[in-house]
Amino acid sequence: MDSTIAMDTPARESAEPLTLSTRKRGRPLEMSADEVLRLIRDKQSAGTLFRVHREQPALYARARRLFGTWARALQLAGLDHAQAMAEARRRSLETRRRTRNEPRDRA
């Protein structure tokens, strides 16, 4: 199969064929795959990867769109999804316990 497409439209000024790219048609990427993985690593090192789906839904959605699942995105970023989930659960339980044990103000 030829990797070029000839454009015979009058709007095209040059006669050079258009080269096919490896990217699918549609809207241009907002973030490249490398940039998404870098942001995931940065969030992990800063300790802010917890609740990224709520605090940065664009990053979460882009990672899922590019890599299929959030777990796959973490794996490609060099992180362990199971460990990240265990850490998230631990923090969640800590927060619940702390909130439950705080004295309530009676108004």
C-alpha atoms as a PDB file:
ATOM      1  CA  MET A   1       0.000   0.000   0.000  1.00  0.00           C
ATOM      2  CA  ASP A   2       1.288   3.453  -0.895  1.00  0.00           C
ATOM      3  CA  SER A   3       1.951   5.718   2.113  1.00  0.00           C
ATOM      4  CA  THR A   4       0.921   8.897   0.270  1.00  0.00           C
ATOM      5  CA  ILE A   5      -2.380  10.329  -0.822  1.00  0.00           C
ATOM      6  CA  ALA A   6      -2.532  12.520  -3.903  1.00  0.00           C
ATOM      7  CA  MET A   7      -4.647  15.616  -3.429  1.00  0.00           C
ATOM      8  CA  ASP A   8      -6.385  16.675  -6.646  1.00  0.00           C
ATOM      9  CA  THR A   9      -8.367  19.551  -5.190  1.00  0.00           C
ATOM     10  CA  PRO A  10      -8.026  23.017  -6.712  1.00  0.00           C
ATOM     11  CA  ALA A  11      -7.462  24.558  -3.256  1.00  0.00           C
ATOM     12  CA  ARG A  12      -4.157  22.739  -2.898  1.00  0.00           C
ATOM     13  CA  GLU A  13      -1.410  24.885  -4.414  1.00  0.00           C
ATOM     14  CA  SER A  14       1.505  22.428  -4.473  1.00  0.00           C
ATOM     15  CA  ALA A  15       1.441  19.164  -6.370  1.00  0.00           C
ATOM     16  CA  GLU A  16       3.270  17.294  -3.550  1.00  0.00           C
ATOM     17  CA  PRO A  17       1.413  14.291  -2.171  1.00  0.00           C
ATOM     18  CA  LEU A  18       0.151  14.429   1.406  1.00  0.00           C
ATOM     19  CA  THR A  19       1.968  11.955   3.683  1.00  0.00           C
ATOM     20  CA  LEU A  20      -0.141   9.857   6.030  1.00  0.00           C
ATOM     21  CA  SER A  21       0.645  10.216   9.708  1.00  0.00           C
ATOM     22  CA  THR A  22       0.428   7.517  12.348  1.00  0.00           C
ATOM     23  CA  ARG A  23      -2.169   9.548  14.269  1.00  0.00           C
ATOM     24  CA  LYS A  24      -5.871   9.029  13.719  1.00  0.00           C
ATOM     25  CA  ARG A  25      -8.074  11.690  12.211  1.00  0.00           C
ATOM     26  CA  GLY A  26      -9.970  14.095  14.425  1.00  0.00           C
ATOM     27  CA  ARG A  27      -9.168  16.856  16.837  1.00  0.00           C
ATOM     28  CA  PRO A  28      -5.489  17.547  17.471  1.00  0.00           C
ATOM     29  CA  LEU A  29      -4.024  16.142  20.672  1.00  0.00           C
ATOM     30  CA  GLU A  30      -4.217  18.440  23.662  1.00  0.00           C
ATOM     31  CA  MET A  31      -1.321  16.648  25.332  1.00  0.00           C
ATOM     32  CA  SER A  32       1.127  14.168  23.915  1.00  0.00           C
ATOM     33  CA  ALA A  33       1.526  10.756  25.487  1.00  0.00           C
ATOM     34  CA  ASP A  34       4.970  11.706  26.825  1.00  0.00           C
ATOM     35  CA  GLU A  35       3.556  14.840  28.430  1.00  0.00           C
ATOM     36  CA  VAL A  36       0.735  12.892  30.092  1.00  0.00           C
ATOM     37  CA  LEU A  37       3.211  10.366  31.522  1.00  0.00           C
ATOM     38  CA  ARG A  38       5.476  13.173  32.749  1.00  0.00           C
ATOM     39  CA  LEU A  39       2.543  14.872  34.514  1.00  0.00           C
ATOM     40  CA  ILE A  40       1.546  11.580  36.154  1.00  0.00           C
ATOM     41  CA  ARG A  41       5.109  11.093  37.431  1.00  0.00           C
ATOM     42  CA  ASP A  42       5.221  14.696  38.688  1.00  0.00           C
ATOM     43  CA  LYS A  43       1.928  14.257  40.531  1.00  0.00           C
ATOM     44  CA  GLN A  44       3.161  11.030  42.123  1.00  0.00           C
ATOM     45  CA  SER A  45       6.422  12.599  43.308  1.00  0.00           C
ATOM     46  CA  ALA A  46       4.502  15.576  44.737  1.00  0.00           C
ATOM     47  CA  GLY A  47       2.042  13.230  46.448  1.00  0.00           C
ATOM     48  CA  THR A  48      -0.948  14.667  44.586  1.00  0.00           C
ATOM     49  CA  LEU A  49      -1.854  11.689  42.426  1.00  0.00           C
ATOM     50  CA  PHE A  50      -4.620  10.885  44.925  1.00  0.00           C
ATOM     51  CA  ARG A  51      -8.048  11.934  43.560  1.00  0.00           C
ATOM     52  CA  VAL A  52      -6.576  13.140  40.248  1.00  0.00           C
ATOM     53  CA  HIS A  53      -9.810  12.001  38.585  1.00  0.00           C
ATOM     54  CA  ARG A  54     -11.658  14.691  40.566  1.00  0.00           C
ATOM     55  CA  GLU A  55      -9.054  17.427  40.774  1.00  0.00           C
ATOM     56  CA  GLN A  56      -7.715  17.181  37.213  1.00  0.00           C
ATOM     57  CA  PRO A  57     -10.317  15.374  35.124  1.00  0.00           C
ATOM     58  CA  ALA A  58      -8.676  16.496  31.868  1.00  0.00           C
ATOM     59  CA  LEU A  59      -5.446  14.681  32.730  1.00  0.00           C
ATOM     60  CA  TYR A  60      -7.343  11.577  33.852  1.00  0.00           C
ATOM     61  CA  ALA A  61      -9.487  11.539  30.697  1.00  0.00           C
ATOM     62  CA  ARG A  62      -6.524  12.130  28.383  1.00  0.00           C
ATOM     63  CA  ALA A  63      -4.561   9.303  30.033  1.00  0.00           C
ATOM     64  CA  ARG A  64      -7.491   6.912  29.659  1.00  0.00           C
ATOM     65  CA  ARG A  65      -8.039   7.931  26.057  1.00  0.00           C
ATOM     66  CA  LEU A  66      -4.376   7.510  25.122  1.00  0.00           C
ATOM     67  CA  PHE A  67      -3.625   4.341  27.101  1.00  0.00           C
ATOM     68  CA  GLY A  68      -7.011   2.645  27.510  1.00  0.00           C
ATOM     69  CA  THR A  69      -7.117   2.577  31.306  1.00  0.00           C
ATOM     70  CA  TRP A  70      -5.747   4.620  34.188  1.00  0.00           C
ATOM     71  CA  ALA A  71      -3.921   1.504  35.421  1.00  0.00           C
ATOM     72  CA  ARG A  72      -2.149   1.163  32.058  1.00  0.00           C
ATOM     73  CA  ALA A  73      -1.169   4.859  32.153  1.00  0.00           C
ATOM     74  CA  LEU A  74       0.342   4.402  35.627  1.00  0.00           C
ATOM     75  CA  GLN A  75       2.160   1.276  34.470  1.00  0.00           C
ATOM     76  CA  LEU A  76       3.685   3.100  31.490  1.00  0.00           C
ATOM     77  CA  ALA A  77       4.675   5.967  33.795  1.00  0.00           C
ATOM     78  CA  GLY A  78       6.621   3.429  35.850  1.00  0.00           C
ATOM     79  CA  LEU A  79       4.215   3.344  38.794  1.00  0.00           C
ATOM     80  CA  ASP A  80       2.465   0.432  40.456  1.00  0.00           C
ATOM     81  CA  HIS A  81      -1.320   0.795  40.194  1.00  0.00           C
ATOM     82  CA  ALA A  82      -1.998  -1.591  43.091  1.00  0.00           C
ATOM     83  CA  GLN A  83       0.345   0.374  45.348  1.00  0.00           C
ATOM     84  CA  ALA A  84      -1.249   3.679  44.295  1.00  0.00           C
ATOM     85  CA  MET A  85      -4.718   2.282  45.070  1.00  0.00           C
ATOM     86  CA  ALA A  86      -3.576   0.970  48.469  1.00  0.00           C
ATOM     87  CA  GLU A  87      -2.134   4.401  49.295  1.00  0.00           C
ATOM     88  CA  ALA A  88      -5.373   6.085  48.216  1.00  0.00           C
ATOM     89  CA  ARG A  89      -7.442   3.751  50.408  1.00  0.00           C
ATOM     90  CA  ARG A  90      -5.138   4.347  53.358  1.00  0.00           C
ATOM     91  CA  ARG A  91      -5.478   8.113  53.012  1.00  0.00           C
ATOM     92  CA  SER A  92      -9.224   7.858  52.645  1.00  0.00           C
ATOM     93  CA  LEU A  93      -9.571   5.809  55.817  1.00  0.00           C
ATOM     94  CA  GLU A  94      -7.252   8.163  57.694  1.00  0.00           C
ATOM     95  CA  THR A  95      -9.328  11.154  56.653  1.00  0.00           C
ATOM     96  CA  ARG A  96     -12.591   9.456  57.666  1.00  0.00           C
ATOM     97  CA  ARG A  97     -11.230   8.497  61.063  1.00  0.00           C
ATOM     98  CA  ARG A  98      -9.856  11.965  61.664  1.00  0.00           C
ATOM     99  CA  THR A  99     -13.147  13.586  60.633  1.00  0.00           C
ATOM    100  CA  ARG A 100     -15.185  11.174  62.764  1.00  0.00           C
ATOM    101  CA  ASN A 101     -13.063  11.814  65.871  1.00  0.00           C
ATOM    102  CA  GLU A 102     -13.025  15.619  65.633  1.00  0.00           C
ATOM    103  CA  PRO A 103     -15.355  17.344  68.095  1.00  0.00           C
ATOM    104  CA  ARG A 104     -18.375  18.933  66.485  1.00  0.00           C
ATOM    105  CA  ASP A 105     -19.382  22.500  67.193  1.00  0.00           C
ATOM    106  CA  ARG A 106     -22.910  22.802  68.484  1.00  0.00           C
ATOM    107  CA  ALA A 107     -24.577  25.962  67.315  1.00  0.00           C
END
